[in-house]
C-alpha atoms as a PDB file:
ATOM      1  CA  UNK A   1     -54.763 -30.916-113.422  1.00  0.00           C
ATOM      2  CA  UNK A   2     -58.051 -29.053-113.190  1.00  0.00           C
ATOM      3  CA  UNK A   3     -59.908 -32.303-112.542  1.00  0.00           C
ATOM      4  CA  UNK A   4     -57.486 -33.300-109.743  1.00  0.00           C
ATOM      5  CA  UNK A   5     -57.966 -29.938-108.025  1.00  0.00           C
ATOM      6  CA  UNK A   6     -61.737 -30.230-108.074  1.00  0.00           C
ATOM      7  CA  UNK A   7     -61.640 -33.780-106.651  1.00  0.00           C
ATOM      8  CA  UNK A   8     -59.495 -32.698-103.711  1.00  0.00           C
ATOM      9  CA  UNK A   9     -61.761 -29.707-103.222  1.00  0.00           C
ATOM     10  CA  UNK A  10     -64.816 -31.983-103.131  1.00  0.00           C
ATOM     11  CA  UNK A  11     -63.076 -34.240-100.603  1.00  0.00           C
ATOM     12  CA  UNK A  12     -62.213 -31.270 -98.418  1.00  0.00           C
ATOM     13  CA  UNK A  13     -65.793 -30.012 -98.602  1.00  0.00           C
ATOM     14  CA  UNK A  14     -67.089 -33.481 -97.704  1.00  0.00           C
ATOM     15  CA  UNK A  15     -64.728 -33.672 -94.733  1.00  0.00           C
ATOM     16  CA  UNK A  16     -65.780 -30.236 -93.516  1.00  0.00           C
ATOM     17  CA  UNK A  17     -69.475 -31.144 -93.784  1.00  0.00           C
ATOM     18  CA  UNK A  18     -68.817 -34.344 -91.849  1.00  0.00           C
ATOM     19  CA  UNK A  19     -66.989 -32.416 -89.149  1.00  0.00           C
ATOM     20  CA  UNK A  20     -69.819 -29.906 -88.806  1.00  0.00           C
ATOM     21  CA  UNK A  21     -72.211 -32.795 -88.212  1.00  0.00           C
ATOM     22  CA  UNK A  22     -70.026 -34.822 -85.854  1.00  0.00           C
ATOM     23  CA  UNK A  23     -68.282 -32.085 -83.870  1.00  0.00           C
ATOM     24  CA  UNK A  24     -71.397 -30.728 -82.081  1.00  0.00           C
ATOM     25  CA  UNK A  25     -72.305 -34.248 -80.987  1.00  0.00           C
ATOM     26  CA  UNK A  26     -68.810 -34.843 -79.622  1.00  0.00           C
ATOM     27  CA  UNK A  27     -68.850 -31.502 -77.794  1.00  0.00           C
ATOM     28  CA  UNK A  28     -72.260 -32.313 -76.285  1.00  0.00           C
ATOM     29  CA  UNK A  29     -71.013 -35.696 -75.060  1.00  0.00           C
ATOM     30  CA  UNK A  30     -67.900 -34.177 -73.504  1.00  0.00           C
ATOM     31  CA  UNK A  31     -69.965 -31.509 -71.753  1.00  0.00           C
ATOM     32  CA  UNK A  32     -72.443 -34.088 -70.445  1.00  0.00           C
ATOM     33  CA  UNK A  33     -69.607 -36.223 -69.117  1.00  0.00           C
ATOM     34  CA  UNK A  34     -67.865 -33.301 -67.432  1.00  0.00           C
ATOM     35  CA  UNK A  35     -71.096 -32.118 -65.810  1.00  0.00           C
ATOM     36  CA  UNK A  36     -71.775 -35.575 -64.437  1.00  0.00           C
ATOM     37  CA  UNK A  37     -68.218 -35.731 -63.089  1.00  0.00           C
ATOM     38  CA  UNK A  38     -68.645 -32.327 -61.433  1.00  0.00           C
ATOM     39  CA  UNK A  39     -71.940 -33.464 -59.962  1.00  0.00           C
ATOM     40  CA  UNK A  40     -70.231 -36.451 -58.371  1.00  0.00           C
ATOM     41  CA  UNK A  41     -67.633 -34.176 -56.746  1.00  0.00           C
ATOM     42  CA  UNK A  42     -70.306 -31.872 -55.352  1.00  0.00           C
ATOM     43  CA  UNK A  43     -71.186 -34.487 -52.714  1.00  0.00           C
ATOM     44  CA  UNK A  44     -67.665 -34.521 -51.234  1.00  0.00           C
ATOM     45  CA  UNK A  45     -67.779 -33.771 -47.555  1.00  0.00           C
ATOM     46  CA  UNK A  46     -71.521 -34.057 -47.326  1.00  0.00           C
ATOM     47  CA  UNK A  47     -73.266 -36.653 -45.258  1.00  0.00           C
ATOM     48  CA  UNK A  48     -73.441 -39.911 -47.168  1.00  0.00           C
ATOM     49  CA  UNK A  49     -74.566 -42.190 -44.373  1.00  0.00           C
ATOM     50  CA  UNK A  50     -78.099 -42.178 -43.033  1.00  0.00           C
ATOM     51  CA  UNK A  51     -77.180 -41.434 -39.422  1.00  0.00           C
ATOM     52  CA  UNK A  52     -75.967 -37.912 -38.551  1.00  0.00           C
ATOM     53  CA  UNK A  53     -73.412 -39.375 -36.125  1.00  0.00           C
ATOM     54  CA  UNK A  54     -71.679 -41.160 -38.995  1.00  0.00           C
ATOM     55  CA  UNK A  55     -70.570 -37.994 -40.797  1.00  0.00           C
ATOM     56  CA  UNK A  56     -66.824 -37.504 -41.259  1.00  0.00           C
ATOM     57  CA  UNK A  57     -65.193 -34.307 -40.062  1.00  0.00           C
ATOM     58  CA  UNK A  58     -63.650 -32.630 -43.139  1.00  0.00           C
ATOM     59  CA  UNK A  59     -61.473 -30.426 -41.012  1.00  0.00           C
ATOM     60  CA  UNK A  60     -59.453 -33.239 -39.492  1.00  0.00           C
ATOM     61  CA  UNK A  61     -59.190 -35.130 -42.787  1.00  0.00           C
ATOM     62  CA  UNK A  62     -58.377 -32.465 -45.373  1.00  0.00           C
ATOM     63  CA  UNK A  63     -58.170 -29.211 -43.407  1.00  0.00           C
ATOM     64  CA  UNK A  64     -61.428 -27.785 -44.792  1.00  0.00           C
ATOM     65  CA  UNK A  65     -64.016 -25.836 -42.817  1.00  0.00           C
ATOM     66  CA  UNK A  66     -61.697 -25.505 -39.818  1.00  0.00           C
ATOM     67  CA  UNK A  67     -62.147 -22.943 -37.123  1.00  0.00           C
ATOM     68  CA  UNK A  68     -59.356 -21.287 -35.197  1.00  0.00           C
ATOM     69  CA  UNK A  69     -58.724 -24.050 -32.673  1.00  0.00           C
ATOM     70  CA  UNK A  70     -56.080 -23.914 -29.985  1.00  0.00           C
ATOM     71  CA  UNK A  71     -53.597 -26.777 -29.963  1.00  0.00           C
ATOM     72  CA  UNK A  72     -55.416 -28.325 -26.993  1.00  0.00           C
ATOM     73  CA  UNK A  73     -58.776 -28.116 -28.772  1.00  0.00           C
ATOM     74  CA  UNK A  74     -57.201 -29.613 -31.900  1.00  0.00           C
ATOM     75  CA  UNK A  75     -55.799 -32.556 -29.915  1.00  0.00           C
ATOM     76  CA  UNK A  76     -59.183 -33.126 -28.304  1.00  0.00           C
ATOM     77  CA  UNK A  77     -60.918 -32.950 -31.688  1.00  0.00           C
ATOM     78  CA  UNK A  78     -58.506 -35.492 -33.186  1.00  0.00           C
ATOM     79  CA  UNK A  79     -58.929 -37.836 -30.226  1.00  0.00           C
ATOM     80  CA  UNK A  80     -62.718 -37.611 -30.537  1.00  0.00           C
ATOM     81  CA  UNK A  81     -62.630 -38.438 -34.247  1.00  0.00           C
ATOM     82  CA  UNK A  82     -60.200 -41.335 -33.743  1.00  0.00           C
ATOM     83  CA  UNK A  83     -62.477 -42.728 -31.035  1.00  0.00           C
ATOM     84  CA  UNK A  84     -65.308 -42.951 -33.588  1.00  0.00           C
ATOM     85  CA  UNK A  85     -63.242 -45.676 -35.243  1.00  0.00           C
ATOM     86  CA  UNK A  86     -63.956 -47.773 -38.301  1.00  0.00           C
ATOM     87  CA  UNK A  87     -67.701 -47.115 -38.157  1.00  0.00           C
ATOM     88  CA  UNK A  88     -66.990 -43.737 -39.735  1.00  0.00           C
ATOM     89  CA  UNK A  89     -63.396 -43.777 -41.037  1.00  0.00           C
ATOM     90  CA  UNK A  90     -61.441 -46.242 -43.149  1.00  0.00           C
ATOM     91  CA  UNK A  91     -58.228 -47.738 -41.790  1.00  0.00           C
ATOM     92  CA  UNK A  92     -56.133 -45.447 -44.003  1.00  0.00           C
ATOM     93  CA  UNK A  93     -58.008 -42.397 -42.697  1.00  0.00           C
ATOM     94  CA  UNK A  94     -57.549 -43.553 -39.107  1.00  0.00           C
ATOM     95  CA  UNK A  95     -53.805 -43.955 -39.725  1.00  0.00           C
ATOM     96  CA  UNK A  96     -53.693 -40.405 -41.084  1.00  0.00           C
ATOM     97  CA  UNK A  97     -55.558 -39.117 -38.024  1.00  0.00           C
ATOM     98  CA  UNK A  98     -53.122 -40.979 -35.729  1.00  0.00           C
ATOM     99  CA  UNK A  99     -50.172 -39.314 -37.491  1.00  0.00           C
ATOM    100  CA  UNK A 100     -51.836 -35.910 -37.163  1.00  0.00           C
ATOM    101  CA  UNK A 101     -52.462 -36.568 -33.466  1.00  0.00           C
ATOM    102  CA  UNK A 102     -48.810 -37.516 -32.920  1.00  0.00           C
ATOM    103  CA  UNK A 103     -47.747 -34.282 -34.661  1.00  0.00           C
ATOM    104  CA  UNK A 104     -50.210 -32.282 -32.575  1.00  0.00           C
ATOM    105  CA  UNK A 105     -48.815 -33.849 -29.365  1.00  0.00           C
ATOM    106  CA  UNK A 106     -45.292 -32.832 -30.451  1.00  0.00           C
ATOM    107  CA  UNK A 107     -46.456 -29.257 -31.076  1.00  0.00           C
ATOM    108  CA  UNK A 108     -48.273 -29.235 -27.748  1.00  0.00           C
ATOM    109  CA  UNK A 109     -45.107 -30.380 -25.960  1.00  0.00           C
ATOM    110  CA  UNK A 110     -42.997 -27.722 -27.714  1.00  0.00           C
ATOM    111  CA  UNK A 111     -45.536 -25.030 -26.902  1.00  0.00           C
ATOM    112  CA  UNK A 112     -45.746 -26.051 -23.232  1.00  0.00           C
ATOM    113  CA  UNK A 113     -41.931 -26.049 -22.915  1.00  0.00           C
ATOM    114  CA  UNK A 114     -41.640 -22.571 -24.427  1.00  0.00           C
ATOM    115  CA  UNK A 115     -44.474 -21.093 -22.407  1.00  0.00           C
ATOM    116  CA  UNK A 116     -44.683 -22.912 -19.060  1.00  0.00           C
ATOM    117  CA  UNK A 117     -47.762 -22.224 -16.961  1.00  0.00           C
ATOM    118  CA  UNK A 118     -47.353 -19.411 -14.487  1.00  0.00           C
ATOM    119  CA  UNK A 119     -48.448 -20.006 -10.908  1.00  0.00           C
ATOM    120  CA  UNK A 120     -50.485 -17.144  -9.526  1.00  0.00           C
END
């Protein structure tokens, strides 16, 4: 019985030594991978094309970095971005912008019906 206990104790010690050698390497690899993944995300929304006119507008795509636009300014901004076409945006992004423009036109119509212009 004493011999069996010492064998299992040696095995446990061997396993623990192996873990102390392998675990830091695994942790280092995971950290390196996660840092590289975070580095790839850091370029989101930044200019990736060489020409400054080819930069996408984050505000109209994902509602980031938006100012306080009026509904009319928002419609004009969407129309401008849609006019840039497939040189800048993918077809899926253009479809999304078209849907946003349709929604903005509906809001504009509702707003104009509730608050008609006053003749002075």
